[in-house]
Amino acid sequence: MSMGYQVTSDHQLARLLQIGIVLEEVVEARAYHHHEEMGDDSLDEEMGDDSLDEEIRDLLSHAAEESAEHRGRLEDIIDRLDVESIPFEEIEALVEAQYGQTKPEDFDGVLYDQLCNEETAYKFYDDVIKAVEASDAQFTIDREELLATLSEIRDEEADGVEEVTKIMEERE
């Protein structure tokens, strides 16, 4: 999502943050989906699967937990903004239109799907940060605090991209 514009109001900021929440829900759902597809942990341990499969399970668990934590942080910001709630269905439709072209089964493996999810989230937060920085609007939340929170989330997504890439390289 290339924003190429400024965030000019609490309402617009809240809408963008709600899109981020839905994106995080997608990442979490896909991570859980892939984790379940990998099978029962105890059965895999009995069969002697290698440490990379455990590494992937850990990656997926961490991604799901991190997404839940990111959602909480975004919800906290929205709660502090002076806005009326935007219907979830409206935001979900926006996310589906922008990011819903791919499904987990469209990728050649769990790691490619996870990489796409991490990169999409990173790019989204990077674009939101740029749009806030380009704006001179006054928000009901402190701008520096907002940018610090969004930057931390973006950096965590970048770490996720690096971690998935590292595992992919190990598998080659």
C-alpha atoms as a PDB file:
ATOM      1  CA  MET A   1       0.000   0.000   0.000  1.00  0.00           C
ATOM      2  CA  SER A   2       1.699   3.133  -1.143  1.00  0.00           C
ATOM      3  CA  MET A   3       0.049   5.972   0.681  1.00  0.00           C
ATOM      4  CA  GLY A   4       1.807   8.893  -0.941  1.00  0.00           C
ATOM      5  CA  TYR A   5      -0.208  11.288   1.172  1.00  0.00           C
ATOM      6  CA  GLN A   6      -0.445  12.777   4.601  1.00  0.00           C
ATOM      7  CA  VAL A   7      -2.507  11.673   7.561  1.00  0.00           C
ATOM      8  CA  THR A   8      -4.566  14.755   8.316  1.00  0.00           C
ATOM      9  CA  SER A   9      -6.919  13.759  11.128  1.00  0.00           C
ATOM     10  CA  ASP A  10      -7.515  11.435  14.047  1.00  0.00           C
ATOM     11  CA  HIS A  11     -10.234   9.757  11.987  1.00  0.00           C
ATOM     12  CA  GLN A  12      -7.862   9.010   9.108  1.00  0.00           C
ATOM     13  CA  LEU A  13      -5.175   7.786  11.515  1.00  0.00           C
ATOM     14  CA  ALA A  14      -7.672   5.525  13.291  1.00  0.00           C
ATOM     15  CA  ARG A  15      -8.750   4.035   9.973  1.00  0.00           C
ATOM     16  CA  LEU A  16      -5.138   3.257   9.041  1.00  0.00           C
ATOM     17  CA  LEU A  17      -4.466   1.725  12.443  1.00  0.00           C
ATOM     18  CA  GLN A  18      -7.590  -0.407  12.115  1.00  0.00           C
ATOM     19  CA  ILE A  19      -6.263  -1.655   8.782  1.00  0.00           C
ATOM     20  CA  GLY A  20      -3.074  -2.555  10.655  1.00  0.00           C
ATOM     21  CA  ILE A  21      -5.133  -4.494  13.205  1.00  0.00           C
ATOM     22  CA  VAL A  22      -6.826  -6.512  10.467  1.00  0.00           C
ATOM     23  CA  LEU A  23      -3.461  -7.157   8.796  1.00  0.00           C
ATOM     24  CA  GLU A  24      -2.120  -8.439  12.099  1.00  0.00           C
ATOM     25  CA  GLU A  25      -5.158 -10.709  12.417  1.00  0.00           C
ATOM     26  CA  VAL A  26      -4.414 -12.127   8.961  1.00  0.00           C
ATOM     27  CA  VAL A  27      -0.772 -12.766   9.887  1.00  0.00           C
ATOM     28  CA  GLU A  28      -1.817 -14.452  13.124  1.00  0.00           C
ATOM     29  CA  ALA A  29      -4.458 -16.609  11.425  1.00  0.00           C
ATOM     30  CA  ARG A  30      -2.069 -17.719   8.696  1.00  0.00           C
ATOM     31  CA  ALA A  31       0.656 -18.531  11.207  1.00  0.00           C
ATOM     32  CA  TYR A  32      -1.760 -20.680  13.234  1.00  0.00           C
ATOM     33  CA  HIS A  33      -3.033 -22.303  10.033  1.00  0.00           C
ATOM     34  CA  HIS A  34       0.480 -23.281   8.969  1.00  0.00           C
ATOM     35  CA  HIS A  35       1.409 -24.425  12.469  1.00  0.00           C
ATOM     36  CA  GLU A  36      -1.598 -26.751  12.523  1.00  0.00           C
ATOM     37  CA  GLU A  37      -0.770 -28.046   9.032  1.00  0.00           C
ATOM     38  CA  MET A  38       2.679 -29.044  10.242  1.00  0.00           C
ATOM     39  CA  GLY A  39       1.026 -31.638  12.484  1.00  0.00           C
ATOM     40  CA  ASP A  40       1.060 -32.634  16.085  1.00  0.00           C
ATOM     41  CA  ASP A  41       4.268 -31.632  17.903  1.00  0.00           C
ATOM     42  CA  SER A  42       4.483 -34.792  19.986  1.00  0.00           C
ATOM     43  CA  LEU A  43       4.083 -37.040  16.935  1.00  0.00           C
ATOM     44  CA  ASP A  44       6.813 -35.152  15.088  1.00  0.00           C
ATOM     45  CA  GLU A  45       9.178 -35.462  18.052  1.00  0.00           C
ATOM     46  CA  GLU A  46       8.591 -39.212  18.141  1.00  0.00           C
ATOM     47  CA  MET A  47       9.332 -39.434  14.425  1.00  0.00           C
ATOM     48  CA  GLY A  48      12.595 -37.515  14.842  1.00  0.00           C
ATOM     49  CA  ASP A  49      11.946 -34.468  12.662  1.00  0.00           C
ATOM     50  CA  ASP A  50      14.984 -32.196  12.357  1.00  0.00           C
ATOM     51  CA  SER A  51      15.541 -28.961  14.234  1.00  0.00           C
ATOM     52  CA  LEU A  52      14.541 -26.804  11.247  1.00  0.00           C
ATOM     53  CA  ASP A  53      10.934 -27.984  11.514  1.00  0.00           C
ATOM     54  CA  GLU A  54      10.977 -27.029  15.184  1.00  0.00           C
ATOM     55  CA  GLU A  55      12.552 -23.724  14.160  1.00  0.00           C
ATOM     56  CA  ILE A  56       9.654 -23.113  11.764  1.00  0.00           C
ATOM     57  CA  ARG A  57       7.116 -23.985  14.462  1.00  0.00           C
ATOM     58  CA  ASP A  58       8.831 -21.529  16.803  1.00  0.00           C
ATOM     59  CA  LEU A  59       8.833 -18.877  14.070  1.00  0.00           C
ATOM     60  CA  LEU A  60       5.104 -19.345  13.467  1.00  0.00           C
ATOM     61  CA  SER A  61       4.289 -19.290  17.190  1.00  0.00           C
ATOM     62  CA  HIS A  62       6.337 -16.147  17.651  1.00  0.00           C
ATOM     63  CA  ALA A  63       4.677 -14.488  14.630  1.00  0.00           C
ATOM     64  CA  ALA A  64       1.217 -15.216  16.013  1.00  0.00           C
ATOM     65  CA  GLU A  65       2.116 -13.925  19.489  1.00  0.00           C
ATOM     66  CA  GLU A  66       3.769 -10.836  18.047  1.00  0.00           C
ATOM     67  CA  SER A  67       0.730 -10.088  15.890  1.00  0.00           C
ATOM     68  CA  ALA A  68      -1.534 -10.275  18.930  1.00  0.00           C
ATOM     69  CA  GLU A  69       0.794  -7.915  20.810  1.00  0.00           C
ATOM     70  CA  HIS A  70       0.862  -5.493  17.841  1.00  0.00           C
ATOM     71  CA  ARG A  71      -2.939  -5.498  17.683  1.00  0.00           C
ATOM     72  CA  GLY A  72      -3.094  -4.592  21.348  1.00  0.00           C
ATOM     73  CA  ARG A  73      -0.705  -1.699  20.881  1.00  0.00           C
ATOM     74  CA  LEU A  74      -2.666  -0.391  17.885  1.00  0.00           C
ATOM     75  CA  GLU A  75      -5.965  -0.725  19.773  1.00  0.00           C
ATOM     76  CA  ASP A  76      -4.482   1.280  22.660  1.00  0.00           C
ATOM     77  CA  ILE A  77      -3.609   4.109  20.278  1.00  0.00           C
ATOM     78  CA  ILE A  78      -7.061   4.072  18.670  1.00  0.00           C
ATOM     79  CA  ASP A  79      -8.707   4.169  22.106  1.00  0.00           C
ATOM     80  CA  ARG A  80      -6.793   7.371  22.865  1.00  0.00           C
ATOM     81  CA  LEU A  81      -7.816   9.110  19.635  1.00  0.00           C
ATOM     82  CA  ASP A  82     -10.839  11.382  19.475  1.00  0.00           C
ATOM     83  CA  VAL A  83     -12.794   9.270  16.970  1.00  0.00           C
ATOM     84  CA  GLU A  84     -15.950   7.257  16.578  1.00  0.00           C
ATOM     85  CA  SER A  85     -15.467   3.584  15.918  1.00  0.00           C
ATOM     86  CA  ILE A  86     -15.321   2.540  12.266  1.00  0.00           C
ATOM     87  CA  PRO A  87     -17.325  -0.614  11.507  1.00  0.00           C
ATOM     88  CA  PHE A  88     -15.050  -3.658  11.425  1.00  0.00           C
ATOM     89  CA  GLU A  89     -16.702  -4.925   8.224  1.00  0.00           C
ATOM     90  CA  GLU A  90     -15.705  -1.732   6.402  1.00  0.00           C
ATOM     91  CA  ILE A  91     -12.070  -2.089   7.443  1.00  0.00           C
ATOM     92  CA  GLU A  92     -12.052  -5.807   6.674  1.00  0.00           C
ATOM     93  CA  ALA A  93     -13.336  -5.047   3.157  1.00  0.00           C
ATOM     94  CA  LEU A  94     -10.545  -2.492   2.649  1.00  0.00           C
ATOM     95  CA  VAL A  95      -7.915  -4.993   3.758  1.00  0.00           C
ATOM     96  CA  GLU A  96      -9.372  -7.725   1.561  1.00  0.00           C
ATOM     97  CA  ALA A  97      -9.354  -5.407  -1.463  1.00  0.00           C
ATOM     98  CA  GLN A  98      -5.784  -4.266  -0.873  1.00  0.00           C
ATOM     99  CA  TYR A  99      -4.089  -7.339   0.579  1.00  0.00           C
ATOM    100  CA  GLY A 100      -6.475 -10.254   0.104  1.00  0.00           C
ATOM    101  CA  GLN A 101      -5.438 -11.263  -3.394  1.00  0.00           C
ATOM    102  CA  THR A 102      -3.292 -14.051  -2.005  1.00  0.00           C
ATOM    103  CA  LYS A 103      -4.200 -16.957   0.209  1.00  0.00           C
ATOM    104  CA  PRO A 104      -1.817 -19.264   2.113  1.00  0.00           C
ATOM    105  CA  GLU A 105      -2.175 -21.941  -0.551  1.00  0.00           C
ATOM    106  CA  ASP A 106      -1.004 -19.501  -3.253  1.00  0.00           C
ATOM    107  CA  PHE A 107       2.560 -19.772  -1.986  1.00  0.00           C
ATOM    108  CA  ASP A 108       5.087 -22.487  -2.547  1.00  0.00           C
ATOM    109  CA  GLY A 109       5.434 -23.336   1.109  1.00  0.00           C
ATOM    110  CA  VAL A 110       4.959 -22.047   4.596  1.00  0.00           C
ATOM    111  CA  LEU A 111       8.091 -19.922   4.612  1.00  0.00           C
ATOM    112  CA  TYR A 112       7.212 -18.048   1.424  1.00  0.00           C
ATOM    113  CA  ASP A 113       3.774 -17.230   2.800  1.00  0.00           C
ATOM    114  CA  GLN A 114       5.255 -16.086   6.101  1.00  0.00           C
ATOM    115  CA  LEU A 115       7.826 -13.965   4.272  1.00  0.00           C
ATOM    116  CA  CYS A 116       5.062 -12.305   2.259  1.00  0.00           C
ATOM    117  CA  ASN A 117       3.073 -11.607   5.441  1.00  0.00           C
ATOM    118  CA  GLU A 118       6.064 -10.097   7.244  1.00  0.00           C
ATOM    119  CA  GLU A 119       7.047  -7.970   4.227  1.00  0.00           C
ATOM    120  CA  THR A 120       3.484  -6.734   3.741  1.00  0.00           C
ATOM    121  CA  ALA A 121       3.214  -5.697   7.382  1.00  0.00           C
ATOM    122  CA  TYR A 122       6.636  -4.020   7.281  1.00  0.00           C
ATOM    123  CA  LYS A 123       5.729  -2.028   4.164  1.00  0.00           C
ATOM    124  CA  PHE A 124       2.347  -1.038   5.603  1.00  0.00           C
ATOM    125  CA  TYR A 125       3.868   0.358   8.810  1.00  0.00           C
ATOM    126  CA  ASP A 126       6.638   2.069   6.866  1.00  0.00           C
ATOM    127  CA  ASP A 127       4.017   3.792   4.693  1.00  0.00           C
ATOM    128  CA  VAL A 128       1.941   4.860   7.714  1.00  0.00           C
ATOM    129  CA  ILE A 129       5.034   6.315   9.380  1.00  0.00           C
ATOM    130  CA  LYS A 130       5.913   8.291   6.241  1.00  0.00           C
ATOM    131  CA  ALA A 131       2.341   9.577   5.954  1.00  0.00           C
ATOM    132  CA  VAL A 132       2.323  10.720   9.592  1.00  0.00           C
ATOM    133  CA  GLU A 133       5.756  12.333   9.226  1.00  0.00           C
ATOM    134  CA  ALA A 134       4.604  14.180   6.084  1.00  0.00           C
ATOM    135  CA  SER A 135       1.645  15.624   7.967  1.00  0.00           C
ATOM    136  CA  ASP A 136       1.526  18.699  10.142  1.00  0.00           C
ATOM    137  CA  ALA A 137      -1.817  17.665  11.656  1.00  0.00           C
ATOM    138  CA  GLN A 138      -2.322  17.724  15.396  1.00  0.00           C
ATOM    139  CA  PHE A 139      -3.502  14.375  16.758  1.00  0.00           C
ATOM    140  CA  THR A 140      -4.976  13.732  20.196  1.00  0.00           C
ATOM    141  CA  ILE A 141      -2.055  11.371  20.823  1.00  0.00           C
ATOM    142  CA  ASP A 142       1.498  12.667  21.077  1.00  0.00           C
ATOM    143  CA  ARG A 143       3.114  12.497  17.620  1.00  0.00           C
ATOM    144  CA  GLU A 144       6.492  11.324  18.941  1.00  0.00           C
ATOM    145  CA  GLU A 145       4.876   8.560  20.983  1.00  0.00           C
ATOM    146  CA  LEU A 146       2.819   7.496  17.947  1.00  0.00           C
ATOM    147  CA  LEU A 147       5.857   7.423  15.667  1.00  0.00           C
ATOM    148  CA  ALA A 148       7.923   5.570  18.271  1.00  0.00           C
ATOM    149  CA  THR A 149       5.251   2.872  18.637  1.00  0.00           C
ATOM    150  CA  LEU A 150       4.794   2.481  14.884  1.00  0.00           C
ATOM    151  CA  SER A 151       8.563   2.397  14.362  1.00  0.00           C
ATOM    152  CA  GLU A 152       8.978  -0.321  16.991  1.00  0.00           C
ATOM    153  CA  ILE A 153       6.284  -2.422  15.317  1.00  0.00           C
ATOM    154  CA  ARG A 154       7.832  -1.836  11.877  1.00  0.00           C
ATOM    155  CA  ASP A 155      11.256  -2.842  13.206  1.00  0.00           C
ATOM    156  CA  GLU A 156       9.809  -6.037  14.675  1.00  0.00           C
ATOM    157  CA  GLU A 157       8.305  -6.829  11.265  1.00  0.00           C
ATOM    158  CA  ALA A 158      11.723  -6.215   9.671  1.00  0.00           C
ATOM    159  CA  ASP A 159      13.232  -8.641  12.179  1.00  0.00           C
ATOM    160  CA  GLY A 160      10.599 -11.167  11.117  1.00  0.00           C
ATOM    161  CA  VAL A 161      11.573 -10.746   7.463  1.00  0.00           C
ATOM    162  CA  GLU A 162      15.209 -11.351   8.385  1.00  0.00           C
ATOM    163  CA  GLU A 163      14.382 -14.412  10.476  1.00  0.00           C
ATOM    164  CA  VAL A 164      12.282 -16.024   7.723  1.00  0.00           C
ATOM    165  CA  THR A 165      14.963 -15.241   5.141  1.00  0.00           C
ATOM    166  CA  LYS A 166      17.625 -16.832   7.353  1.00  0.00           C
ATOM    167  CA  ILE A 167      15.607 -20.030   7.724  1.00  0.00           C
ATOM    168  CA  MET A 168      14.945 -20.113   3.983  1.00  0.00           C
ATOM    169  CA  GLU A 169      18.661 -19.799   3.286  1.00  0.00           C
ATOM    170  CA  GLU A 170      19.411 -22.628   5.732  1.00  0.00           C
ATOM    171  CA  ARG A 171      16.985 -24.862   3.847  1.00  0.00           C
ATOM    172  CA  GLU A 172      18.602 -24.305   0.449  1.00  0.00           C
END
